[in-house]
Each structure stands twice: as structure tokens, then as C-alpha cells.
Amino acid sequence: MATLNGEIALPRSFQYVNSANVTINKPNHKAEVTINRKFFKPCLRTLVLELHEKNKVDNIVTFEFDIGSSNPTIEYLNSENIIFQFPYSLLKDLDQSDEWEISIYESRKREQTNWFSIQPAVYVIIPEQPGDDKSGGKSSKIDIKIIFRIVVLIDMFVIAVIIIFINVITCFKSKDRKHSDLRHKESEYTKMDIEISSLAE
């Protein structure tokens, strides 16, 4: 194969990948593939984006596209850089902890492509840690619940004290009435005794 300045001279029809990266954003359920390549002419042919685990070539994910494709979403940054965006669930069969290989090649010409090794960058939701703002929010919610319960208990205690106080006052009034009735009867009996004594004399 011919060389130029110590590098392999590739035909212009050969899709050569210089660099690539894959970003998987699990919270947003999106995956993004950025590729820098040479001799890229999607307006002239149908191309294939392929990703597979480096040690499992039979487990592959492919996307065919051309200049008018809308699925996956394609953004052409310039003549050598392209970004693919699609749901990350399409990559769920690939081991994200393993190294992947990626390439772009012309449809039905897979054997002519070169492969670029990458380690996918995976972003996940970070668990809440003590002292985080979110955990502080939860703590404040718990504090509000505790305060609410304390207020309810205090209200119940006050109501119970009021009821007991009313019962005590009612009991005292009832006793006073009984005492007054007894005194009244005793005074009546005394009057009657006096009257009887005076009549007897």
C-alpha cells in the first residue's frame, strides 16, 4: 500500500476515522457520538455508523444515514466533524464498562474501514450524600413534620387540661350546691324546732 510522509495513503473513497467519542447521559436518556473523519461525502452515498464491543464483534449497533437522514439526529459541525444523537437505549446491549470500536463506512463496504477504539463516557445520577442541598431539603421536610406533630400534641394536651379544669370546676360547684342545700335544710329544721319549743311553752 502506498505511503505519504510516512503515513498510509488512503483512497479518497475510504472513510477514515481520526478520532471519536461516545457520551451516554442516562438521566436525559440520550447518547451522543462525535466523530472526526476524512474523505466523508454523505451527499454521494449511503454510509453506516457502527459501534461494537472491542472483544465482541458479533454484538454490533449500526445506523445507516445519508445527507437527508433525520434518524438518528445528525449535526454536521464542519467538513470533518459530525455529531449523532439518539436514545441511549439503542446501546443497551453493549457493555458500557468495556472498550468499544467505532467507524463509519460506505454501505456494503465494511471490510474497507478502519476502527477507532473508545471508552464510552457514562453520566448517571449521583446518589445524594449527607450535606447536599437535596438532602438538606429532605431534612427540612422531616423537621417540618416533626414540628407539626409536636404542635398537634401540644394542642391535644391543652385541650385535655381545659377539659379536666372544667370537670374540676363543675365538681366543686356541685359540692357547693349540696352544702348549701344541707345548710338550708338545717336552718329550716332549726326554725321548726324553735317554733315547736315556743308552742310547747
N, C-alpha and C. Protein backbone atom coordinates (compact mmCIF):
# COMPACT_ATOMS: atom_id res chain seq x y z
N MET A 1 0.86 -1.19 0.00
CA MET A 1 0.00 0.00 0.00
C MET A 1 0.89 1.24 0.00
N ALA A 2 0.52 2.26 -0.75
CA ALA A 2 1.32 3.48 -0.89
C ALA A 2 1.31 4.27 0.40
N THR A 3 2.42 5.01 0.61
CA THR A 3 2.51 5.85 1.81
C THR A 3 2.85 7.27 1.40
N LEU A 4 2.50 8.22 2.28
CA LEU A 4 2.80 9.63 2.04
C LEU A 4 3.27 10.22 3.36
N ASN A 5 4.53 10.73 3.37
CA ASN A 5 5.14 11.29 4.59
C ASN A 5 5.08 10.30 5.75
N GLY A 6 5.32 9.05 5.45
CA GLY A 6 5.35 8.03 6.48
C GLY A 6 4.00 7.50 6.90
N GLU A 7 2.89 8.05 6.33
CA GLU A 7 1.55 7.59 6.67
C GLU A 7 0.95 6.86 5.48
N ILE A 8 0.03 5.96 5.79
CA ILE A 8 -0.63 5.22 4.71
C ILE A 8 -1.48 6.18 3.90
N ALA A 9 -1.29 6.16 2.60
CA ALA A 9 -2.08 7.00 1.70
C ALA A 9 -3.36 6.24 1.35
N LEU A 10 -4.48 6.77 1.79
CA LEU A 10 -5.76 6.10 1.58
C LEU A 10 -6.48 6.70 0.39
N PRO A 11 -7.26 5.92 -0.34
CA PRO A 11 -8.04 6.46 -1.44
C PRO A 11 -9.10 7.41 -0.91
N ARG A 12 -9.53 8.37 -1.71
CA ARG A 12 -10.48 9.38 -1.25
C ARG A 12 -11.83 8.78 -0.90
N SER A 13 -12.14 7.63 -1.44
CA SER A 13 -13.42 7.00 -1.14
C SER A 13 -13.41 6.27 0.20
N PHE A 14 -12.26 6.17 0.82
CA PHE A 14 -12.12 5.42 2.07
C PHE A 14 -12.50 6.33 3.24
N GLN A 15 -13.47 5.87 4.07
CA GLN A 15 -13.91 6.66 5.23
C GLN A 15 -12.95 6.42 6.39
N TYR A 16 -12.11 7.39 6.68
CA TYR A 16 -11.06 7.21 7.69
C TYR A 16 -11.40 8.02 8.94
N VAL A 17 -11.55 7.33 10.09
CA VAL A 17 -11.89 7.98 11.36
C VAL A 17 -10.61 8.36 12.09
N ASN A 18 -10.44 9.66 12.36
CA ASN A 18 -9.28 10.14 13.11
C ASN A 18 -9.49 10.05 14.61
N SER A 19 -10.67 10.43 15.06
CA SER A 19 -10.98 10.41 16.50
C SER A 19 -12.49 10.29 16.68
N ALA A 20 -12.87 9.84 17.85
CA ALA A 20 -14.29 9.68 18.14
C ALA A 20 -14.49 9.61 19.65
N ASN A 21 -15.69 9.95 20.08
CA ASN A 21 -16.06 9.74 21.48
C ASN A 21 -17.55 9.49 21.59
N VAL A 22 -17.92 8.76 22.61
CA VAL A 22 -19.33 8.43 22.86
C VAL A 22 -19.68 8.89 24.27
N THR A 23 -20.75 9.66 24.38
CA THR A 23 -21.23 10.14 25.67
C THR A 23 -22.64 9.61 25.89
N ILE A 24 -22.84 8.95 27.02
CA ILE A 24 -24.16 8.41 27.37
C ILE A 24 -24.66 9.15 28.60
N ASN A 25 -25.76 9.87 28.43
CA ASN A 25 -26.35 10.65 29.53
C ASN A 25 -27.61 9.94 29.99
N LYS A 26 -27.48 9.12 31.01
CA LYS A 26 -28.62 8.30 31.45
C LYS A 26 -29.77 9.14 32.02
N PRO A 27 -29.51 10.20 32.81
CA PRO A 27 -30.64 10.99 33.30
C PRO A 27 -31.50 11.57 32.18
N ASN A 28 -30.87 11.94 31.05
CA ASN A 28 -31.61 12.50 29.92
C ASN A 28 -31.98 11.46 28.88
N HIS A 29 -31.56 10.19 29.12
CA HIS A 29 -31.87 9.08 28.20
C HIS A 29 -31.35 9.35 26.79
N LYS A 30 -30.18 9.97 26.69
CA LYS A 30 -29.62 10.30 25.38
C LYS A 30 -28.19 9.79 25.24
N ALA A 31 -27.83 9.49 24.00
CA ALA A 31 -26.45 9.13 23.68
C ALA A 31 -25.97 10.05 22.57
N GLU A 32 -24.69 10.40 22.62
CA GLU A 32 -24.12 11.29 21.61
C GLU A 32 -22.80 10.71 21.13
N VAL A 33 -22.66 10.62 19.83
CA VAL A 33 -21.44 10.11 19.21
C VAL A 33 -20.84 11.24 18.37
N THR A 34 -19.61 11.62 18.68
CA THR A 34 -18.91 12.65 17.92
C THR A 34 -17.75 12.00 17.17
N ILE A 35 -17.67 12.29 15.87
CA ILE A 35 -16.64 11.65 15.04
C ILE A 35 -15.91 12.70 14.21
N ASN A 36 -14.58 12.57 14.19
CA ASN A 36 -13.75 13.36 13.29
C ASN A 36 -13.23 12.40 12.22
N ARG A 37 -13.46 12.72 10.96
CA ARG A 37 -13.13 11.76 9.90
C ARG A 37 -12.62 12.49 8.66
N LYS A 38 -12.05 11.71 7.75
CA LYS A 38 -11.58 12.24 6.47
C LYS A 38 -12.34 11.56 5.34
N PHE A 39 -12.36 12.24 4.20
CA PHE A 39 -12.98 11.69 2.99
C PHE A 39 -14.44 11.32 3.24
N PHE A 40 -15.14 12.24 3.89
CA PHE A 40 -16.52 11.98 4.26
C PHE A 40 -17.45 12.69 3.28
N LYS A 41 -18.22 11.94 2.51
CA LYS A 41 -19.10 12.52 1.50
C LYS A 41 -20.48 11.88 1.57
N PRO A 42 -21.29 12.22 2.60
CA PRO A 42 -22.61 11.61 2.73
C PRO A 42 -23.57 12.00 1.62
N CYS A 43 -23.27 13.09 0.92
CA CYS A 43 -24.16 13.52 -0.16
C CYS A 43 -24.05 12.61 -1.38
N LEU A 44 -23.00 11.81 -1.45
CA LEU A 44 -22.77 10.97 -2.63
C LEU A 44 -23.11 9.51 -2.39
N ARG A 45 -23.37 9.12 -1.16
CA ARG A 45 -23.56 7.69 -0.88
C ARG A 45 -24.29 7.50 0.45
N THR A 46 -24.71 6.28 0.69
CA THR A 46 -25.28 5.90 1.98
C THR A 46 -24.16 5.33 2.84
N LEU A 47 -24.03 5.90 4.05
CA LEU A 47 -22.97 5.48 4.95
C LEU A 47 -23.54 4.77 6.17
N VAL A 48 -22.67 4.08 6.88
CA VAL A 48 -23.08 3.31 8.06
C VAL A 48 -22.19 3.70 9.24
N LEU A 49 -22.85 4.08 10.35
CA LEU A 49 -22.14 4.27 11.62
C LEU A 49 -22.27 2.96 12.40
N GLU A 50 -21.14 2.39 12.80
CA GLU A 50 -21.17 1.13 13.54
C GLU A 50 -20.41 1.25 14.85
N LEU A 51 -20.99 0.68 15.90
CA LEU A 51 -20.34 0.57 17.20
C LEU A 51 -20.44 -0.88 17.66
N HIS A 52 -19.37 -1.38 18.25
CA HIS A 52 -19.41 -2.72 18.84
C HIS A 52 -18.36 -2.82 19.93
N GLU A 53 -18.55 -3.80 20.82
CA GLU A 53 -17.54 -4.05 21.84
C GLU A 53 -16.28 -4.58 21.18
N LYS A 54 -15.15 -4.14 21.69
CA LYS A 54 -13.88 -4.48 21.05
C LYS A 54 -13.65 -5.98 21.00
N ASN A 55 -14.08 -6.69 22.03
CA ASN A 55 -13.85 -8.13 22.10
C ASN A 55 -15.07 -8.96 21.70
N LYS A 56 -16.13 -8.27 21.24
CA LYS A 56 -17.35 -8.98 20.81
C LYS A 56 -17.85 -8.34 19.52
N VAL A 57 -17.21 -8.67 18.44
CA VAL A 57 -17.53 -8.03 17.16
C VAL A 57 -18.91 -8.44 16.67
N ASP A 58 -19.43 -9.57 17.16
CA ASP A 58 -20.73 -10.03 16.69
C ASP A 58 -21.88 -9.24 17.33
N ASN A 59 -21.61 -8.52 18.43
CA ASN A 59 -22.63 -7.71 19.10
C ASN A 59 -22.46 -6.27 18.65
N ILE A 60 -23.20 -5.86 17.61
CA ILE A 60 -22.97 -4.56 16.97
C ILE A 60 -24.24 -3.72 16.97
N VAL A 61 -24.05 -2.41 16.86
CA VAL A 61 -25.14 -1.45 16.67
C VAL A 61 -24.79 -0.63 15.44
N THR A 62 -25.71 -0.55 14.49
CA THR A 62 -25.43 0.18 13.25
C THR A 62 -26.55 1.18 12.95
N PHE A 63 -26.18 2.28 12.29
CA PHE A 63 -27.12 3.28 11.81
C PHE A 63 -26.75 3.63 10.38
N GLU A 64 -27.66 3.43 9.46
CA GLU A 64 -27.43 3.88 8.08
C GLU A 64 -27.91 5.31 7.94
N PHE A 65 -27.18 6.13 7.20
CA PHE A 65 -27.57 7.52 7.04
C PHE A 65 -27.00 8.07 5.74
N ASP A 66 -27.62 9.18 5.31
CA ASP A 66 -27.10 9.96 4.20
C ASP A 66 -27.33 11.43 4.52
N ILE A 67 -27.16 12.31 3.57
CA ILE A 67 -27.23 13.74 3.83
C ILE A 67 -28.62 14.18 4.28
N GLY A 68 -29.66 13.43 3.92
CA GLY A 68 -31.03 13.82 4.29
C GLY A 68 -31.60 13.07 5.47
N SER A 69 -30.80 12.27 6.14
CA SER A 69 -31.31 11.45 7.24
C SER A 69 -31.68 12.30 8.45
N SER A 70 -32.75 11.89 9.14
CA SER A 70 -33.17 12.58 10.37
C SER A 70 -33.16 11.66 11.58
N ASN A 71 -32.93 10.38 11.35
CA ASN A 71 -32.89 9.42 12.45
C ASN A 71 -31.69 8.50 12.27
N PRO A 72 -30.67 8.57 13.10
CA PRO A 72 -30.59 9.44 14.27
C PRO A 72 -30.41 10.91 13.89
N THR A 73 -30.56 11.79 14.90
CA THR A 73 -30.33 13.21 14.66
C THR A 73 -28.86 13.44 14.35
N ILE A 74 -28.61 14.14 13.25
CA ILE A 74 -27.22 14.34 12.80
C ILE A 74 -26.94 15.84 12.71
N GLU A 75 -25.79 16.24 13.25
CA GLU A 75 -25.35 17.63 13.17
C GLU A 75 -23.96 17.67 12.55
N TYR A 76 -23.86 18.35 11.41
CA TYR A 76 -22.57 18.48 10.72
C TYR A 76 -21.91 19.77 11.20
N LEU A 77 -20.87 19.63 12.04
CA LEU A 77 -20.19 20.80 12.58
C LEU A 77 -19.37 21.50 11.50
N ASN A 78 -18.66 20.71 10.72
CA ASN A 78 -17.87 21.23 9.60
C ASN A 78 -17.60 20.06 8.66
N SER A 79 -16.65 20.23 7.76
CA SER A 79 -16.40 19.20 6.75
C SER A 79 -15.78 17.93 7.32
N GLU A 80 -15.31 17.99 8.57
CA GLU A 80 -14.64 16.81 9.12
C GLU A 80 -15.22 16.31 10.44
N ASN A 81 -16.22 17.01 10.98
CA ASN A 81 -16.77 16.62 12.27
C ASN A 81 -18.28 16.48 12.20
N ILE A 82 -18.77 15.41 12.80
CA ILE A 82 -20.19 15.12 12.77
C ILE A 82 -20.62 14.59 14.13
N ILE A 83 -21.85 14.95 14.53
CA ILE A 83 -22.39 14.51 15.81
C ILE A 83 -23.70 13.75 15.56
N PHE A 84 -23.80 12.57 16.16
CA PHE A 84 -25.03 11.78 16.11
C PHE A 84 -25.67 11.81 17.49
N GLN A 85 -26.99 11.97 17.53
CA GLN A 85 -27.73 11.93 18.79
C GLN A 85 -28.90 10.97 18.65
N PHE A 86 -29.10 10.12 19.66
CA PHE A 86 -30.19 9.15 19.62
C PHE A 86 -30.44 8.63 21.04
N PRO A 87 -31.56 7.94 21.29
CA PRO A 87 -31.84 7.40 22.63
C PRO A 87 -30.76 6.42 23.06
N TYR A 88 -30.28 6.55 24.29
CA TYR A 88 -29.19 5.67 24.74
C TYR A 88 -29.64 4.23 24.87
N SER A 89 -30.97 4.00 24.90
CA SER A 89 -31.48 2.62 24.99
C SER A 89 -31.06 1.80 23.78
N LEU A 90 -30.73 2.47 22.66
CA LEU A 90 -30.29 1.73 21.47
C LEU A 90 -28.91 1.10 21.69
N LEU A 91 -28.20 1.55 22.72
CA LEU A 91 -26.87 1.00 23.01
C LEU A 91 -26.89 0.08 24.24
N LYS A 92 -28.09 -0.25 24.72
CA LYS A 92 -28.18 -1.00 25.98
C LYS A 92 -27.57 -2.40 25.89
N ASP A 93 -27.47 -2.96 24.67
CA ASP A 93 -26.91 -4.30 24.53
C ASP A 93 -25.39 -4.32 24.57
N LEU A 94 -24.78 -3.14 24.52
CA LEU A 94 -23.31 -3.05 24.59
C LEU A 94 -22.87 -2.85 26.03
N ASP A 95 -21.81 -3.51 26.41
CA ASP A 95 -21.27 -3.38 27.76
C ASP A 95 -20.57 -2.02 27.90
N GLN A 96 -21.15 -1.14 28.70
CA GLN A 96 -20.62 0.22 28.82
C GLN A 96 -19.33 0.29 29.62
N SER A 97 -18.98 -0.76 30.32
CA SER A 97 -17.72 -0.78 31.06
C SER A 97 -16.57 -1.30 30.20
N ASP A 98 -16.89 -1.81 29.01
CA ASP A 98 -15.88 -2.38 28.13
C ASP A 98 -15.45 -1.33 27.10
N GLU A 99 -14.34 -1.57 26.45
CA GLU A 99 -13.87 -0.68 25.38
C GLU A 99 -14.65 -1.00 24.11
N TRP A 100 -15.01 0.05 23.37
CA TRP A 100 -15.77 -0.12 22.13
C TRP A 100 -14.88 0.22 20.94
N GLU A 101 -15.34 -0.20 19.76
CA GLU A 101 -14.75 0.23 18.50
C GLU A 101 -15.84 0.89 17.67
N ILE A 102 -15.44 1.92 16.94
CA ILE A 102 -16.40 2.71 16.18
C ILE A 102 -15.83 3.04 14.82
N SER A 103 -16.71 3.15 13.83
CA SER A 103 -16.25 3.52 12.50
C SER A 103 -17.44 3.97 11.65
N ILE A 104 -17.11 4.62 10.55
CA ILE A 104 -18.09 4.97 9.51
C ILE A 104 -17.58 4.39 8.20
N TYR A 105 -18.45 3.71 7.50
CA TYR A 105 -18.03 3.13 6.22
C TYR A 105 -19.19 3.17 5.23
N GLU A 106 -18.84 3.03 3.98
CA GLU A 106 -19.85 3.02 2.93
C GLU A 106 -20.64 1.72 3.00
N SER A 107 -21.94 1.83 2.76
CA SER A 107 -22.80 0.65 2.83
C SER A 107 -22.26 -0.48 1.97
N ARG A 108 -22.18 -1.69 2.57
CA ARG A 108 -21.70 -2.92 1.93
C ARG A 108 -20.19 -2.90 1.68
N LYS A 109 -19.47 -1.98 2.34
CA LYS A 109 -18.01 -1.96 2.21
C LYS A 109 -17.34 -1.93 3.59
N ARG A 110 -17.88 -2.72 4.49
CA ARG A 110 -17.38 -2.75 5.86
C ARG A 110 -15.92 -3.18 5.94
N GLU A 111 -15.52 -4.09 5.06
CA GLU A 111 -14.17 -4.63 5.12
C GLU A 111 -13.11 -3.58 4.79
N GLN A 112 -13.51 -2.44 4.23
CA GLN A 112 -12.54 -1.41 3.84
C GLN A 112 -12.30 -0.36 4.93
N THR A 113 -13.04 -0.45 6.02
CA THR A 113 -12.97 0.62 7.02
C THR A 113 -11.86 0.40 8.04
N ASN A 114 -11.53 1.47 8.76
CA ASN A 114 -10.64 1.36 9.92
C ASN A 114 -11.47 1.55 11.18
N TRP A 115 -10.98 1.02 12.30
CA TRP A 115 -11.73 1.08 13.55
C TRP A 115 -10.99 1.92 14.57
N PHE A 116 -11.77 2.73 15.30
CA PHE A 116 -11.20 3.60 16.33
C PHE A 116 -11.70 3.10 17.69
N SER A 117 -10.75 2.85 18.61
CA SER A 117 -11.11 2.34 19.94
C SER A 117 -11.47 3.49 20.88
N ILE A 118 -12.54 3.32 21.64
CA ILE A 118 -13.00 4.35 22.57
C ILE A 118 -13.50 3.69 23.85
N GLN A 119 -13.52 4.48 24.90
CA GLN A 119 -14.17 4.08 26.16
C GLN A 119 -15.35 5.02 26.35
N PRO A 120 -16.59 4.51 26.30
CA PRO A 120 -17.75 5.40 26.42
C PRO A 120 -17.77 6.12 27.76
N ALA A 121 -18.14 7.40 27.72
CA ALA A 121 -18.30 8.19 28.94
C ALA A 121 -19.76 8.12 29.36
N VAL A 122 -20.00 7.59 30.54
CA VAL A 122 -21.36 7.37 31.02
C VAL A 122 -21.64 8.31 32.18
N TYR A 123 -22.72 9.10 32.07
CA TYR A 123 -23.13 10.00 33.13
C TYR A 123 -24.40 9.47 33.76
N VAL A 124 -24.38 9.33 35.08
CA VAL A 124 -25.54 8.82 35.80
C VAL A 124 -25.89 9.81 36.90
N ILE A 125 -27.08 9.60 37.52
CA ILE A 125 -27.50 10.44 38.64
C ILE A 125 -26.66 10.09 39.86
N ILE A 126 -26.01 11.09 40.45
CA ILE A 126 -25.16 10.86 41.62
C ILE A 126 -26.05 10.71 42.86
N PRO A 127 -25.87 9.63 43.65
CA PRO A 127 -26.68 9.45 44.86
C PRO A 127 -26.50 10.62 45.82
N GLU A 128 -27.55 10.98 46.49
CA GLU A 128 -27.50 12.10 47.42
C GLU A 128 -26.63 11.75 48.62
N GLN A 129 -25.78 12.68 49.00
CA GLN A 129 -24.88 12.49 50.13
C GLN A 129 -25.28 13.42 51.26
N PRO A 130 -24.96 13.05 52.51
CA PRO A 130 -25.26 13.95 53.64
C PRO A 130 -24.58 15.29 53.44
N GLY A 131 -25.33 16.34 53.66
CA GLY A 131 -24.79 17.69 53.49
C GLY A 131 -25.12 18.30 52.15
N ASP A 132 -25.61 17.47 51.17
CA ASP A 132 -26.00 18.02 49.88
C ASP A 132 -27.24 18.88 50.06
N ASP A 133 -27.47 19.76 49.07
CA ASP A 133 -28.64 20.62 49.12
C ASP A 133 -29.92 19.80 49.13
N LYS A 134 -29.92 18.71 48.33
CA LYS A 134 -31.13 17.90 48.24
C LYS A 134 -31.41 17.23 49.57
N SER A 135 -30.35 16.68 50.19
CA SER A 135 -30.56 16.03 51.47
C SER A 135 -31.00 17.06 52.51
N GLY A 136 -30.48 18.30 52.38
CA GLY A 136 -30.92 19.35 53.28
C GLY A 136 -32.39 19.64 53.11
N GLY A 137 -32.86 19.58 51.85
CA GLY A 137 -34.28 19.77 51.58
C GLY A 137 -35.10 18.70 52.25
N LYS A 138 -34.63 17.45 52.17
CA LYS A 138 -35.35 16.36 52.81
C LYS A 138 -35.34 16.55 54.32
N SER A 139 -34.19 16.99 54.86
CA SER A 139 -34.09 17.20 56.30
C SER A 139 -35.08 18.26 56.76
N SER A 140 -35.20 19.34 55.97
CA SER A 140 -36.14 20.40 56.34
C SER A 140 -37.57 19.89 56.30
N LYS A 141 -37.88 19.00 55.32
CA LYS A 141 -39.22 18.42 55.26
C LYS A 141 -39.48 17.58 56.50
N ILE A 142 -38.47 16.80 56.91
CA ILE A 142 -38.62 15.97 58.10
C ILE A 142 -38.81 16.86 59.33
N ASP A 143 -38.04 17.96 59.42
CA ASP A 143 -38.16 18.88 60.54
C ASP A 143 -39.56 19.46 60.60
N ILE A 144 -40.13 19.82 59.46
CA ILE A 144 -41.48 20.39 59.42
C ILE A 144 -42.49 19.38 59.94
N LYS A 145 -42.32 18.11 59.54
CA LYS A 145 -43.24 17.07 60.01
C LYS A 145 -43.15 16.91 61.53
N ILE A 146 -41.91 16.92 62.05
CA ILE A 146 -41.72 16.78 63.49
C ILE A 146 -42.37 17.95 64.23
N ILE A 147 -42.14 19.17 63.73
CA ILE A 147 -42.74 20.36 64.35
C ILE A 147 -44.25 20.27 64.33
N PHE A 148 -44.80 19.83 63.20
CA PHE A 148 -46.25 19.70 63.07
C PHE A 148 -46.80 18.72 64.11
N ARG A 149 -46.12 17.59 64.27
CA ARG A 149 -46.57 16.60 65.25
C ARG A 149 -46.50 17.15 66.67
N ILE A 150 -45.41 17.89 66.97
CA ILE A 150 -45.28 18.48 68.30
C ILE A 150 -46.40 19.47 68.57
N VAL A 151 -46.72 20.30 67.57
CA VAL A 151 -47.81 21.28 67.72
C VAL A 151 -49.13 20.57 67.98
N VAL A 152 -49.38 19.49 67.23
CA VAL A 152 -50.62 18.73 67.42
C VAL A 152 -50.69 18.15 68.83
N LEU A 153 -49.56 17.59 69.30
CA LEU A 153 -49.53 17.03 70.65
C LEU A 153 -49.78 18.10 71.71
N ILE A 154 -49.17 19.28 71.51
CA ILE A 154 -49.38 20.38 72.46
C ILE A 154 -50.84 20.79 72.48
N ASP A 155 -51.45 20.90 71.29
CA ASP A 155 -52.87 21.27 71.21
C ASP A 155 -53.73 20.25 71.95
N MET A 156 -53.43 18.97 71.74
CA MET A 156 -54.19 17.92 72.41
C MET A 156 -54.02 18.01 73.93
N PHE A 157 -52.78 18.29 74.37
CA PHE A 157 -52.52 18.42 75.80
C PHE A 157 -53.29 19.60 76.39
N VAL A 158 -53.29 20.73 75.69
CA VAL A 158 -54.01 21.92 76.17
C VAL A 158 -55.50 21.63 76.27
N ILE A 159 -56.04 20.97 75.24
CA ILE A 159 -57.47 20.64 75.25
C ILE A 159 -57.80 19.72 76.42
N ALA A 160 -56.92 18.72 76.66
CA ALA A 160 -57.14 17.80 77.78
C ALA A 160 -57.12 18.54 79.11
N VAL A 161 -56.17 19.49 79.28
CA VAL A 161 -56.09 20.27 80.52
C VAL A 161 -57.35 21.10 80.72
N ILE A 162 -57.84 21.72 79.63
CA ILE A 162 -59.06 22.53 79.72
C ILE A 162 -60.25 21.67 80.14
N ILE A 163 -60.36 20.49 79.54
CA ILE A 163 -61.47 19.59 79.88
C ILE A 163 -61.40 19.19 81.36
N ILE A 164 -60.18 18.83 81.82
CA ILE A 164 -60.01 18.46 83.23
C ILE A 164 -60.37 19.63 84.14
N PHE A 165 -59.94 20.84 83.78
CA PHE A 165 -60.22 22.04 84.57
C PHE A 165 -61.72 22.29 84.67
N ILE A 166 -62.41 22.14 83.52
CA ILE A 166 -63.87 22.33 83.52
C ILE A 166 -64.55 21.30 84.41
N ASN A 167 -64.09 20.04 84.33
CA ASN A 167 -64.68 18.99 85.17
C ASN A 167 -64.46 19.28 86.65
N VAL A 168 -63.26 19.74 87.00
CA VAL A 168 -62.96 20.06 88.41
C VAL A 168 -63.87 21.18 88.90
N ILE A 169 -64.02 22.25 88.10
CA ILE A 169 -64.88 23.37 88.49
C ILE A 169 -66.32 22.89 88.65
N THR A 170 -66.76 22.05 87.71
CA THR A 170 -68.13 21.54 87.79
C THR A 170 -68.34 20.73 89.07
N CYS A 171 -67.34 19.91 89.41
CA CYS A 171 -67.43 19.12 90.64
C CYS A 171 -67.51 20.02 91.88
N PHE A 172 -66.65 21.07 91.92
CA PHE A 172 -66.67 21.99 93.06
C PHE A 172 -68.02 22.69 93.17
N LYS A 173 -68.57 23.12 92.04
CA LYS A 173 -69.86 23.79 92.07
C LYS A 173 -70.95 22.85 92.55
N SER A 174 -70.86 21.60 92.11
CA SER A 174 -71.86 20.62 92.54
C SER A 174 -71.79 20.39 94.05
N LYS A 175 -70.56 20.31 94.59
CA LYS A 175 -70.39 20.13 96.03
C LYS A 175 -70.91 21.34 96.79
N ASP A 176 -70.63 22.56 96.26
CA ASP A 176 -71.10 23.78 96.92
C ASP A 176 -72.62 23.80 96.98
N ARG A 177 -73.27 23.36 95.90
CA ARG A 177 -74.73 23.34 95.88
C ARG A 177 -75.27 22.36 96.92
N LYS A 178 -74.62 21.19 97.02
CA LYS A 178 -75.06 20.21 98.01
C LYS A 178 -74.90 20.75 99.42
N HIS A 179 -73.75 21.42 99.68
CA HIS A 179 -73.52 22.00 101.01
C HIS A 179 -74.55 23.08 101.31
N SER A 180 -74.83 23.92 100.33
CA SER A 180 -75.81 25.00 100.55
C SER A 180 -77.20 24.42 100.81
N ASP A 181 -77.54 23.34 100.08
CA ASP A 181 -78.84 22.70 100.30
C ASP A 181 -78.93 22.13 101.71
N LEU A 182 -77.85 21.49 102.18
CA LEU A 182 -77.84 20.93 103.52
C LEU A 182 -77.97 22.02 104.58
N ARG A 183 -77.24 23.12 104.38
CA ARG A 183 -77.32 24.24 105.33
C ARG A 183 -78.74 24.81 105.37
N HIS A 184 -79.33 24.93 104.19
CA HIS A 184 -80.68 25.48 104.11
C HIS A 184 -81.66 24.58 104.87
N LYS A 185 -81.52 23.27 104.68
CA LYS A 185 -82.39 22.34 105.37
C LYS A 185 -82.16 22.38 106.88
N GLU A 186 -80.86 22.47 107.27
CA GLU A 186 -80.55 22.54 108.68
C GLU A 186 -81.16 23.79 109.32
N SER A 187 -81.09 24.89 108.62
CA SER A 187 -81.67 26.13 109.15
C SER A 187 -83.19 26.01 109.28
N GLU A 188 -83.81 25.33 108.29
CA GLU A 188 -85.26 25.13 108.36
C GLU A 188 -85.63 24.25 109.56
N TYR A 189 -84.83 23.19 109.76
CA TYR A 189 -85.08 22.32 110.90
C TYR A 189 -84.92 23.09 112.22
N THR A 190 -83.94 23.95 112.28
CA THR A 190 -83.70 24.75 113.49
C THR A 190 -84.88 25.66 113.77
N LYS A 191 -85.38 26.31 112.73
CA LYS A 191 -86.54 27.19 112.87
C LYS A 191 -87.75 26.41 113.38
N MET A 192 -87.92 25.23 112.79
CA MET A 192 -89.06 24.41 113.20
C MET A 192 -88.94 24.01 114.67
N ASP A 193 -87.74 23.65 115.10
CA ASP A 193 -87.53 23.29 116.50
C ASP A 193 -87.85 24.45 117.42
N ILE A 194 -87.43 25.65 117.01
CA ILE A 194 -87.69 26.84 117.84
C ILE A 194 -89.19 27.08 117.94
N GLU A 195 -89.85 26.97 116.80
CA GLU A 195 -91.29 27.21 116.79
C GLU A 195 -92.01 26.18 117.67
N ILE A 196 -91.60 24.92 117.58
CA ILE A 196 -92.23 23.87 118.39
C ILE A 196 -91.98 24.14 119.87
N SER A 197 -90.78 24.56 120.20
CA SER A 197 -90.44 24.85 121.60
C SER A 197 -91.30 25.98 122.14
N SER A 198 -91.48 27.01 121.33
CA SER A 198 -92.27 28.16 121.77
C SER A 198 -93.73 27.78 121.95
N LEU A 199 -94.24 26.92 121.12
CA LEU A 199 -95.62 26.47 121.24
C LEU A 199 -95.80 25.62 122.49
N ALA A 200 -94.80 24.83 122.79
CA ALA A 200 -94.89 23.97 123.96
C ALA A 200 -94.91 24.79 125.24
N GLU A 201 -94.25 25.90 125.27
CA GLU A 201 -94.24 26.74 126.45
C GLU A 201 -95.59 27.45 126.59
